[in-house]
C-alpha atoms as a PDB file:
ATOM      1  CA  MET A   1     -39.779   1.765 -19.886  1.00  0.00           C
ATOM      2  CA  GLY A   2     -37.174   4.292 -19.416  1.00  0.00           C
ATOM      3  CA  GLU A   3     -33.468   4.193 -20.262  1.00  0.00           C
ATOM      4  CA  VAL A   4     -31.664   1.933 -18.049  1.00  0.00           C
ATOM      5  CA  ILE A   5     -28.268   4.098 -16.534  1.00  0.00           C
ATOM      6  CA  PRO A   6     -25.696   1.405 -15.963  1.00  0.00           C
ATOM      7  CA  PHE A   7     -24.809   1.422 -12.325  1.00  0.00           C
ATOM      8  CA  PRO A   8     -20.820   0.919 -11.996  1.00  0.00           C
ATOM      9  CA  ILE A   9     -20.015  -2.230  -9.508  1.00  0.00           C
ATOM     10  CA  ILE A  10     -17.063  -1.643  -7.583  1.00  0.00           C
ATOM     11  CA  ASP A  11     -14.945  -3.969  -5.493  1.00  0.00           C
ATOM     12  CA  LYS A  12     -13.076  -4.222  -2.394  1.00  0.00           C
ATOM     13  CA  GLN A  13     -10.580  -4.744  -4.308  1.00  0.00           C
ATOM     14  CA  SER A  14     -10.288  -1.703  -6.801  1.00  0.00           C
ATOM     15  CA  ILE A  15     -10.972   0.654  -4.117  1.00  0.00           C
ATOM     16  CA  ALA A  16      -7.648  -0.688  -2.224  1.00  0.00           C
ATOM     17  CA  GLU A  17      -5.889  -0.714  -5.620  1.00  0.00           C
ATOM     18  CA  GLU A  18      -6.958   2.907  -6.363  1.00  0.00           C
ATOM     19  CA  LEU A  19      -6.727   4.119  -2.857  1.00  0.00           C
ATOM     20  CA  THR A  20      -3.005   2.529  -2.560  1.00  0.00           C
ATOM     21  CA  ASP A  21      -1.986   4.767  -5.918  1.00  0.00           C
ATOM     22  CA  GLU A  22      -3.530   7.849  -4.474  1.00  0.00           C
ATOM     23  CA  ILE A  23      -1.465   7.286  -1.578  1.00  0.00           C
ATOM     24  CA  SER A  24       1.636   6.953  -2.686  1.00  0.00           C
ATOM     25  CA  MET A  25       1.348   9.522  -5.372  1.00  0.00           C
ATOM     26  CA  GLU A  26       0.431  11.959  -2.403  1.00  0.00           C
ATOM     27  CA  LEU A  27       3.435  10.706  -0.580  1.00  0.00           C
ATOM     28  CA  ILE A  28       6.050  10.995  -3.637  1.00  0.00           C
ATOM     29  CA  THR A  29       4.575  14.508  -3.762  1.00  0.00           C
ATOM     30  CA  LEU A  30       5.647  15.151  -0.120  1.00  0.00           C
ATOM     31  CA  ILE A  31       8.771  13.389  -1.038  1.00  0.00           C
ATOM     32  CA  GLU A  32       9.444  15.631  -3.863  1.00  0.00           C
ATOM     33  CA  ARG A  33       8.374  19.277  -1.753  1.00  0.00           C
ATOM     34  CA  LYS A  34      10.958  18.100   1.324  1.00  0.00           C
ATOM     35  CA  GLY A  35      13.589  18.147  -1.501  1.00  0.00           C
ATOM     36  CA  LEU A  36      14.729  14.387  -2.003  1.00  0.00           C
ATOM     37  CA  ARG A  37      15.728  12.746  -5.122  1.00  0.00           C
ATOM     38  CA  LEU A  38      12.995  11.247  -6.576  1.00  0.00           C
ATOM     39  CA  ASP A  39      15.886  10.238 -10.318  1.00  0.00           C
ATOM     40  CA  THR A  40      18.219   7.764  -8.416  1.00  0.00           C
ATOM     41  CA  PRO A  41      17.758   3.776  -8.925  1.00  0.00           C
ATOM     42  CA  ASP A  42      18.113   3.345  -5.002  1.00  0.00           C
ATOM     43  CA  PHE A  43      15.537   5.388  -4.712  1.00  0.00           C
ATOM     44  CA  CYS A  44      13.000   3.656  -7.264  1.00  0.00           C
ATOM     45  CA  TYR A  45      14.198   0.560  -5.142  1.00  0.00           C
ATOM     46  CA  ASP A  46      13.427   1.987  -1.925  1.00  0.00           C
ATOM     47  CA  MET A  47      10.023   2.933  -2.652  1.00  0.00           C
ATOM     48  CA  ALA A  48       8.866   0.131  -4.486  1.00  0.00           C
ATOM     49  CA  TRP A  49       9.303  -1.590  -1.329  1.00  0.00           C
ATOM     50  CA  VAL A  50       7.099   1.504   0.800  1.00  0.00           C
ATOM     51  CA  VAL A  51       4.288   1.104  -1.894  1.00  0.00           C
ATOM     52  CA  LYS A  52       4.467  -2.816  -1.437  1.00  0.00           C
ATOM     53  CA  PHE A  53       3.251  -2.195   2.576  1.00  0.00           C
ATOM     54  CA  LEU A  54       1.432   0.461   1.647  1.00  0.00           C
ATOM     55  CA  GLU A  55      -0.873  -1.941  -0.225  1.00  0.00           C
ATOM     56  CA  ILE A  56      -0.724  -4.682   2.359  1.00  0.00           C
ATOM     57  CA  LEU A  57      -1.721  -1.919   4.770  1.00  0.00           C
ATOM     58  CA  VAL A  58      -4.552  -0.450   2.803  1.00  0.00           C
ATOM     59  CA  LYS A  59      -5.923  -4.097   1.777  1.00  0.00           C
ATOM     60  CA  ASN A  60      -5.525  -5.392   5.335  1.00  0.00           C
ATOM     61  CA  GLN A  61      -7.662  -2.587   6.163  1.00  0.00           C
ATOM     62  CA  HIS A  62     -10.656  -3.665   3.522  1.00  0.00           C
ATOM     63  CA  GLY A  63     -10.381  -7.310   4.331  1.00  0.00           C
ATOM     64  CA  ILE A  64      -8.360  -8.374   1.466  1.00  0.00           C
ATOM     65  CA  LYS A  65      -6.181 -11.072   3.083  1.00  0.00           C
ATOM     66  CA  THR A  66      -2.897 -10.776   0.776  1.00  0.00           C
ATOM     67  CA  GLN A  67      -0.152 -13.772   1.310  1.00  0.00           C
ATOM     68  CA  LEU A  68       3.145 -11.233   2.137  1.00  0.00           C
ATOM     69  CA  GLY A  69       0.106  -9.700   4.904  1.00  0.00           C
ATOM     70  CA  GLU A  70      -0.088 -13.011   6.553  1.00  0.00           C
ATOM     71  CA  ASP A  71       3.454 -13.723   6.001  1.00  0.00           C
ATOM     72  CA  ILE A  72       4.125 -10.470   8.269  1.00  0.00           C
ATOM     73  CA  LYS A  73       1.503 -11.273  10.680  1.00  0.00           C
ATOM     74  CA  ARG A  74       3.636 -14.226  11.687  1.00  0.00           C
ATOM     75  CA  PHE A  75       5.589 -12.716  13.064  1.00  0.00           C
ATOM     76  CA  LYS A  76       5.702 -11.391  17.065  1.00  0.00           C
ATOM     77  CA  PRO A  77       6.618  -8.514  17.802  1.00  0.00           C
ATOM     78  CA  GLN A  78       9.147  -9.599  20.089  1.00  0.00           C
ATOM     79  CA  ASP A  79      10.651 -12.022  16.864  1.00  0.00           C
ATOM     80  CA  LEU A  80      11.477  -7.721  15.215  1.00  0.00           C
ATOM     81  CA  TYR A  81      14.138  -7.013  18.241  1.00  0.00           C
ATOM     82  CA  GLU A  82      16.775  -8.528  20.311  1.00  0.00           C
ATOM     83  CA  LYS A  83      16.143 -10.722  22.903  1.00  0.00           C
ATOM     84  CA  GLU A  84      17.392  -9.382  26.299  1.00  0.00           C
ATOM     85  CA  GLN A  85      19.342 -11.907  28.245  1.00  0.00           C
END
């Protein structure tokens, strides 16, 4: 028998995490290029929300359910806007 070459098994979770990180870094690079300041506490706080929702988006696309994603799906579009009177 010859040498056994290990075949890395990459699961959906790992792929989703890597893709989320990659998109987040691209977004930060774009934001910096557009002149926004990245060194403020407000930016860090706001960006954390963006990354969290990006994570949900990517995981949903890979068929990975998250609790926050399920909670968000419970809202109907009309719940997000004022109801007409």
